[in-house]
């Protein structure tokens, strides 16, 4: 089945997806990171009253200001309708809710139906290989079946395209947003043959930042790099300079994410915008920005709009954390830099690690 057939299948699925009615009480199923990110976007347009999850440790928590309840409590409400936020566990939850007699739908299918014109615009602006990947992964997401995701996989995340693999001699700095333990910084050094004038690595998590510092010290040693050429900052990046809390129910080292939920009283981190940061540093030229920041990519790009417009750097931006990012990020980047060429690639056998690559 080619990408055009997949695209038609997507439209068939979303057009037949059950939709909530005016009298329904709305819930979102999934108290993990993807569910929290979904709530943070949806709560301004839908009156979702609670999150539900089978994990008893999540029940009774507050997620993005909403209570988390057990699925069994859905029967306490009139006309419950549930959006399933997880694709990975969709078949199991679909069967569970069907057995309970609770109306529901895949959240991704709902969003694609509501924003089909925007998804169609992105699809049409892509090259054929990107259309194949985009339609294939979107079909996995709206159908709740990721078994075909591996068909669209490729290696070398952030560096899979020739324009990103041969980056020696770039004049501007490299930026790693969500540097984690320095794995991408190491790849930046390798693929540039240590010609990047400076690398800035942003990582807010305490444990990951400690590992990042150790790794970059080692890299400076084995590549004979002056230590000041790799700048590590223990901050997050977003749309404004502020301080945000970490989501307390996300304990995975690789899933550190921020929330605007003011009810939380826990640790967090300083958030900066790339525009203000690099203005302070008098860093005039940026050549490459990578971002995998657990759903904060949209905010980060808005806080980096001026340097993106001015420098037109290569971008490798994760768009899988929120179904909204699969259309709004490509459209936004094309709007602020019309000459950008956009390509989509996918890097796991699940619905995760989808990346938009931009270059001029």
Protein backbone atom coordinates (compact mmCIF):
# COMPACT_ATOMS: atom_id res chain seq x y z
CA UNK A 1 0.00 0.00 0.00
CA UNK A 2 1.62 3.31 -1.07
CA UNK A 3 1.49 6.57 0.83
CA UNK A 4 -1.55 7.86 -1.05
CA UNK A 5 -3.50 4.72 -0.15
CA UNK A 6 -2.42 5.13 3.47
CA UNK A 7 -3.59 8.73 3.38
CA UNK A 8 -7.02 7.70 2.12
CA UNK A 9 -7.17 5.03 4.85
CA UNK A 10 -6.40 7.70 7.47
CA UNK A 11 -9.33 9.77 6.24
CA UNK A 12 -11.63 6.75 6.30
CA UNK A 13 -10.66 5.95 9.89
CA UNK A 14 -10.99 9.47 11.27
CA UNK A 15 -14.29 10.09 9.47
CA UNK A 16 -15.75 6.95 11.06
CA UNK A 17 -14.30 7.67 14.52
CA UNK A 18 -16.98 8.11 17.24
CA UNK A 19 -17.24 11.71 18.35
CA UNK A 20 -18.39 13.05 21.72
CA UNK A 21 -21.86 14.57 21.94
CA UNK A 22 -22.90 17.76 23.70
CA UNK A 23 -24.40 15.84 26.62
CA UNK A 24 -21.30 13.66 27.21
CA UNK A 25 -19.00 13.92 30.22
CA UNK A 26 -15.45 13.89 28.86
CA UNK A 27 -12.46 11.95 30.20
CA UNK A 28 -8.97 11.21 29.00
CA UNK A 29 -7.46 7.75 29.51
CA UNK A 30 -3.75 7.70 30.27
CA UNK A 31 -2.00 9.26 33.23
CA UNK A 32 1.54 9.07 31.83
CA UNK A 33 3.53 11.72 30.00
CA UNK A 34 1.56 11.50 26.74
CA UNK A 35 -1.72 11.84 28.61
CA UNK A 36 -0.49 14.82 30.61
CA UNK A 37 0.75 16.53 27.45
CA UNK A 38 -2.60 15.87 25.79
CA UNK A 39 -4.51 17.35 28.71
CA UNK A 40 -2.28 20.44 28.73
CA UNK A 41 -3.24 21.14 25.10
CA UNK A 42 -6.87 19.96 25.12
CA UNK A 43 -8.13 21.49 28.35
CA UNK A 44 -8.51 24.90 26.70
CA UNK A 45 -10.85 23.56 24.00
CA UNK A 46 -12.59 20.60 25.66
CA UNK A 47 -14.15 20.34 29.10
CA UNK A 48 -12.32 17.22 30.26
CA UNK A 49 -13.21 16.66 33.90
CA UNK A 50 -10.77 13.87 34.87
CA UNK A 51 -8.01 11.55 33.73
CA UNK A 52 -8.39 7.80 34.27
CA UNK A 53 -5.70 5.14 34.43
CA UNK A 54 -5.40 1.48 35.40
CA UNK A 55 -2.23 2.18 37.40
CA UNK A 56 -3.31 2.38 41.05
CA UNK A 57 -0.24 4.52 41.84
CA UNK A 58 -1.52 7.24 39.51
CA UNK A 59 -5.08 7.15 40.82
CA UNK A 60 -5.83 10.00 43.23
CA UNK A 61 -3.00 12.09 41.78
CA UNK A 62 -3.66 15.43 40.15
CA UNK A 63 -2.57 15.56 36.52
CA UNK A 64 -2.47 18.99 34.90
CA UNK A 65 -4.98 20.15 37.50
CA UNK A 66 -7.38 17.24 36.89
CA UNK A 67 -8.04 14.30 39.24
CA UNK A 68 -6.89 10.86 38.12
CA UNK A 69 -9.50 8.15 38.74
CA UNK A 70 -9.85 4.43 38.17
CA UNK A 71 -11.80 3.37 35.03
CA UNK A 72 -14.38 1.70 37.27
CA UNK A 73 -15.43 5.14 38.52
CA UNK A 74 -16.55 6.14 35.01
CA UNK A 75 -19.89 4.49 35.77
CA UNK A 76 -20.51 7.16 38.41
CA UNK A 77 -20.90 9.78 35.67
CA UNK A 78 -23.66 10.48 33.19
CA UNK A 79 -22.81 9.71 29.54
CA UNK A 80 -19.06 9.21 29.95
CA UNK A 81 -16.97 9.56 26.78
CA UNK A 82 -13.27 8.69 26.90
CA UNK A 83 -10.36 9.84 24.71
CA UNK A 84 -7.61 7.20 24.74
CA UNK A 85 -4.30 9.05 24.72
CA UNK A 86 -1.94 6.08 24.47
CA UNK A 87 -1.36 4.37 21.14
CA UNK A 88 0.92 1.71 22.58
CA UNK A 89 -1.83 0.29 24.82
CA UNK A 90 -4.81 1.31 22.72
CA UNK A 91 -6.02 -2.24 21.81
CA UNK A 92 -6.14 -3.32 25.47
CA UNK A 93 -7.88 -0.16 26.67
CA UNK A 94 -10.27 -0.22 23.70
CA UNK A 95 -11.32 -3.75 24.68
CA UNK A 96 -11.63 -2.79 28.35
CA UNK A 97 -13.91 0.19 27.65
CA UNK A 98 -15.94 -1.76 25.10
CA UNK A 99 -16.59 -4.48 27.70
CA UNK A 100 -17.62 -1.75 30.17
CA UNK A 101 -19.99 -0.25 27.61
CA UNK A 102 -18.20 3.12 27.69
CA UNK A 103 -18.11 5.14 24.47
CA UNK A 104 -14.61 6.15 23.47
CA UNK A 105 -12.23 6.94 20.65
CA UNK A 106 -8.53 7.21 19.91
CA UNK A 107 -7.43 10.73 20.83
CA UNK A 108 -5.11 10.93 17.81
CA UNK A 109 -7.96 10.04 15.46
CA UNK A 110 -10.12 12.75 17.06
CA UNK A 111 -7.40 15.41 16.66
CA UNK A 112 -6.64 14.41 13.05
CA UNK A 113 -10.35 14.63 12.23
CA UNK A 114 -10.61 18.07 13.82
CA UNK A 115 -7.47 19.34 12.05
CA UNK A 116 -7.54 17.29 8.85
CA UNK A 117 -6.94 20.33 6.63
CA UNK A 118 -3.73 21.20 8.50
CA UNK A 119 -2.46 17.61 8.33
CA UNK A 120 -3.29 17.57 4.62
CA UNK A 121 -1.29 20.77 4.10
CA UNK A 122 1.77 19.23 5.76
CA UNK A 123 1.36 16.02 3.75
CA UNK A 124 1.25 17.94 0.46
CA UNK A 125 4.35 20.01 1.21
CA UNK A 126 6.56 16.94 1.79
CA UNK A 127 8.76 14.94 -0.59
CA UNK A 128 7.68 11.40 -1.47
CA UNK A 129 9.77 9.58 1.15
CA UNK A 130 8.56 11.95 3.86
CA UNK A 131 4.96 11.43 2.70
CA UNK A 132 5.48 7.68 2.99
CA UNK A 133 6.76 8.02 6.56
CA UNK A 134 4.27 10.69 7.59
CA UNK A 135 1.22 8.81 6.28
CA UNK A 136 2.48 5.48 7.63
CA UNK A 137 3.12 6.72 11.16
CA UNK A 138 -0.08 8.76 11.22
CA UNK A 139 -2.02 5.66 10.16
CA UNK A 140 -0.45 3.73 13.05
CA UNK A 141 -1.49 6.46 15.46
CA UNK A 142 -5.10 6.96 14.34
CA UNK A 143 -5.75 3.20 14.09
CA UNK A 144 -4.18 2.46 17.48
CA UNK A 145 -2.02 -0.23 15.87
CA UNK A 146 1.75 0.31 15.87
CA UNK A 147 2.61 -3.12 14.43
CA UNK A 148 3.61 -1.54 11.08
CA UNK A 149 5.72 1.25 12.57
CA UNK A 150 8.97 -0.61 11.95
CA UNK A 151 8.32 -0.33 8.19
CA UNK A 152 8.97 3.39 8.44
CA UNK A 153 12.04 3.22 10.70
CA UNK A 154 15.54 4.42 9.89
CA UNK A 155 18.75 4.69 11.92
CA UNK A 156 20.90 7.65 12.96
CA UNK A 157 18.27 9.80 14.65
CA UNK A 158 19.03 13.53 14.15
CA UNK A 159 21.75 12.66 11.60
CA UNK A 160 20.01 10.36 9.12
CA UNK A 161 19.88 12.82 6.21
CA UNK A 162 23.04 13.69 4.25
CA UNK A 163 22.57 17.39 5.08
CA UNK A 164 22.80 16.47 8.77
CA UNK A 165 25.43 13.75 8.54
CA UNK A 166 28.03 15.87 6.73
CA UNK A 167 28.15 18.93 8.97
CA UNK A 168 31.86 19.64 9.12
CA UNK A 169 32.90 23.21 8.48
CA UNK A 170 29.67 24.82 9.74
CA UNK A 171 30.28 28.43 10.74
CA UNK A 172 27.79 28.65 13.60
CA UNK A 173 27.25 27.01 16.98
CA UNK A 174 25.41 23.73 17.52
CA UNK A 175 22.58 23.57 20.07
CA UNK A 176 21.32 20.45 21.86
CA UNK A 177 18.00 21.00 23.66
CA UNK A 178 17.36 18.02 25.90
CA UNK A 179 21.00 16.97 25.92
CA UNK A 180 20.29 14.10 28.36
CA UNK A 181 23.62 12.36 29.09
CA UNK A 182 25.50 13.83 26.13
CA UNK A 183 24.84 11.14 23.54
CA UNK A 184 23.81 13.66 20.86
CA UNK A 185 26.65 16.02 21.77
CA UNK A 186 29.03 13.14 21.06
CA UNK A 187 27.38 12.59 17.66
CA UNK A 188 27.63 16.30 16.88
CA UNK A 189 31.36 16.14 17.50
CA UNK A 190 31.76 12.97 15.45
CA UNK A 191 29.75 14.06 12.41
CA UNK A 192 31.32 17.52 12.34
CA UNK A 193 34.82 16.05 12.80
CA UNK A 194 35.13 18.47 15.73
CA UNK A 195 34.73 21.56 13.54
CA UNK A 196 31.75 23.09 15.38
CA UNK A 197 32.99 26.38 16.86
CA UNK A 198 30.86 25.83 19.97
CA UNK A 199 28.25 23.38 21.27
CA UNK A 200 25.57 24.43 23.74
CA UNK A 201 23.91 21.61 25.68
CA UNK A 202 20.75 22.27 27.73
CA UNK A 203 19.60 19.65 30.25
CA UNK A 204 17.52 20.43 33.37
CA UNK A 205 17.48 17.01 35.08
CA UNK A 206 19.99 16.74 37.95
CA UNK A 207 21.15 13.17 37.30
CA UNK A 208 21.27 13.54 33.54
CA UNK A 209 23.15 16.84 33.84
CA UNK A 210 25.78 15.26 36.09
CA UNK A 211 26.29 12.51 33.50
CA UNK A 212 26.37 15.12 30.73
CA UNK A 213 29.18 17.00 32.46
CA UNK A 214 31.22 13.82 32.90
CA UNK A 215 30.72 12.81 29.29
CA UNK A 216 31.62 16.20 27.85
CA UNK A 217 34.78 16.30 29.99
CA UNK A 218 35.71 12.92 28.54
CA UNK A 219 34.92 14.09 25.00
CA UNK A 220 37.09 17.18 25.45
CA UNK A 221 39.91 14.89 26.54
CA UNK A 222 39.73 12.32 23.72
CA UNK A 223 39.02 14.86 20.95
CA UNK A 224 41.51 17.44 22.30
CA UNK A 225 38.75 20.05 22.55
CA UNK A 226 39.09 23.21 24.62
CA UNK A 227 36.54 22.82 27.42
CA UNK A 228 34.99 26.23 26.83
CA UNK A 229 33.82 25.07 23.40
CA UNK A 230 31.17 22.83 25.00
CA UNK A 231 28.83 24.85 27.20
CA UNK A 232 26.53 22.82 29.47
CA UNK A 233 23.57 24.60 31.05
CA UNK A 234 21.27 23.04 33.65
CA UNK A 235 18.13 24.79 32.44
CA UNK A 236 15.09 24.04 30.33
CA UNK A 237 14.21 25.88 27.14
CA UNK A 238 10.80 27.34 26.39
CA UNK A 239 8.76 30.28 25.14
CA UNK A 240 9.57 32.61 28.05
CA UNK A 241 12.04 33.04 30.86
CA UNK A 242 10.43 31.57 33.96
CA UNK A 243 10.57 28.75 36.51
CA UNK A 244 8.48 25.58 36.08
CA UNK A 245 7.86 22.44 38.11
CA UNK A 246 8.77 18.95 36.97
CA UNK A 247 5.90 16.52 36.54
CA UNK A 248 6.15 14.53 39.77
CA UNK A 249 4.70 11.33 38.26
CA UNK A 250 7.32 11.12 35.50
CA UNK A 251 10.27 9.36 37.11
CA UNK A 252 12.03 8.00 34.00
CA UNK A 253 15.36 9.82 33.59
CA UNK A 254 14.66 10.24 29.87
CA UNK A 255 11.14 11.62 30.45
CA UNK A 256 11.82 14.77 32.43
CA UNK A 257 9.05 17.19 31.53
CA UNK A 258 7.67 20.48 32.78
CA UNK A 259 4.17 21.54 33.69
CA UNK A 260 2.29 24.78 34.18
CA UNK A 261 0.25 23.08 36.92
CA UNK A 262 0.63 25.61 39.74
CA UNK A 263 -0.85 23.18 42.28
CA UNK A 264 2.34 21.12 42.32
CA UNK A 265 4.85 21.84 45.05
CA UNK A 266 7.96 20.04 43.94
CA UNK A 267 11.35 20.57 42.35
CA UNK A 268 11.68 22.24 39.00
CA UNK A 269 14.10 24.25 36.93
CA UNK A 270 14.76 27.61 35.37
CA UNK A 271 13.40 27.98 31.84
CA UNK A 272 15.09 30.27 29.32
CA UNK A 273 14.40 31.26 25.74
CA UNK A 274 17.11 30.63 23.19
CA UNK A 275 16.60 34.13 21.78
CA UNK A 276 17.36 35.83 25.11
CA UNK A 277 20.13 33.37 26.02
CA UNK A 278 22.10 33.83 22.82
CA UNK A 279 21.54 37.59 22.83
CA UNK A 280 23.18 37.64 26.27
CA UNK A 281 26.02 35.44 25.02
CA UNK A 282 26.46 37.63 21.91
CA UNK A 283 26.31 34.42 19.88
CA UNK A 284 25.39 35.69 16.43
CA UNK A 285 25.40 32.52 14.37
CA UNK A 286 23.62 29.21 15.05
CA UNK A 287 24.03 26.38 12.52
CA UNK A 288 22.18 23.43 14.04
CA UNK A 289 19.45 22.97 16.67
CA UNK A 290 18.28 19.56 17.88
CA UNK A 291 15.36 19.28 20.31
CA UNK A 292 13.88 16.31 22.16
CA UNK A 293 12.36 17.96 25.21
CA UNK A 294 9.32 15.89 26.13
CA UNK A 295 6.59 18.02 24.62
CA UNK A 296 8.22 21.44 25.09
CA UNK A 297 9.39 21.63 21.47
CA UNK A 298 6.50 23.93 20.48
CA UNK A 299 7.33 26.36 23.26
CA UNK A 300 11.07 26.19 22.58
CA UNK A 301 10.62 27.08 18.91
CA UNK A 302 8.58 30.16 19.81
CA UNK A 303 11.35 31.22 22.19
CA UNK A 304 13.89 30.76 19.39
CA UNK A 305 11.93 32.42 16.58
CA UNK A 306 14.35 35.31 16.08
CA UNK A 307 17.48 33.19 15.78
CA UNK A 308 15.67 30.72 13.51
CA UNK A 309 14.56 33.56 11.22
CA UNK A 310 18.00 35.17 11.24
CA UNK A 311 20.29 32.14 11.06
CA UNK A 312 18.05 29.57 9.31
CA UNK A 313 19.88 26.74 11.14
CA UNK A 314 19.43 23.08 10.39
CA UNK A 315 16.69 21.80 12.70
CA UNK A 316 16.04 18.28 13.98
CA UNK A 317 12.89 18.60 16.10
CA UNK A 318 10.92 15.77 17.71
CA UNK A 319 7.21 15.99 16.82
CA UNK A 320 5.88 12.77 18.37
CA UNK A 321 5.14 13.84 21.94
CA UNK A 322 1.87 15.50 20.94
CA UNK A 323 -0.30 14.66 17.94
CA UNK A 324 -0.72 18.44 17.53
CA UNK A 325 3.02 18.82 16.90
CA UNK A 326 2.78 16.64 13.79
CA UNK A 327 1.01 19.48 12.02
CA UNK A 328 1.59 22.67 13.98
CA UNK A 329 5.40 22.48 14.16
CA UNK A 330 6.01 21.89 10.41
CA UNK A 331 3.47 24.61 9.51
CA UNK A 332 4.99 27.07 11.98
CA UNK A 333 8.56 26.49 10.78
CA UNK A 334 7.54 26.83 7.15
CA UNK A 335 5.73 30.07 8.01
CA UNK A 336 8.68 31.74 9.72
CA UNK A 337 11.27 30.45 7.22
CA UNK A 338 9.44 29.83 3.92
CA UNK A 339 12.60 28.57 2.21
CA UNK A 340 12.98 25.67 4.64
CA UNK A 341 12.85 22.22 3.09
CA UNK A 342 11.08 19.82 5.46
CA UNK A 343 11.58 16.07 5.71
CA UNK A 344 10.01 13.61 8.16
CA UNK A 345 11.75 10.50 9.47
CA UNK A 346 10.84 7.95 12.15
CA UNK A 347 13.30 6.13 14.41
CA UNK A 348 11.59 3.38 16.46
CA UNK A 349 9.19 0.48 15.97
CA UNK A 350 6.60 2.31 18.13
CA UNK A 351 4.77 5.62 17.73
CA UNK A 352 7.76 7.45 19.26
CA UNK A 353 10.81 9.27 17.88
CA UNK A 354 9.29 10.96 14.84
CA UNK A 355 11.47 13.91 13.80
CA UNK A 356 11.02 16.82 11.39
CA UNK A 357 14.26 17.86 9.68
CA UNK A 358 14.51 21.39 8.26
CA UNK A 359 17.27 22.89 6.12
CA UNK A 360 17.81 25.47 3.40
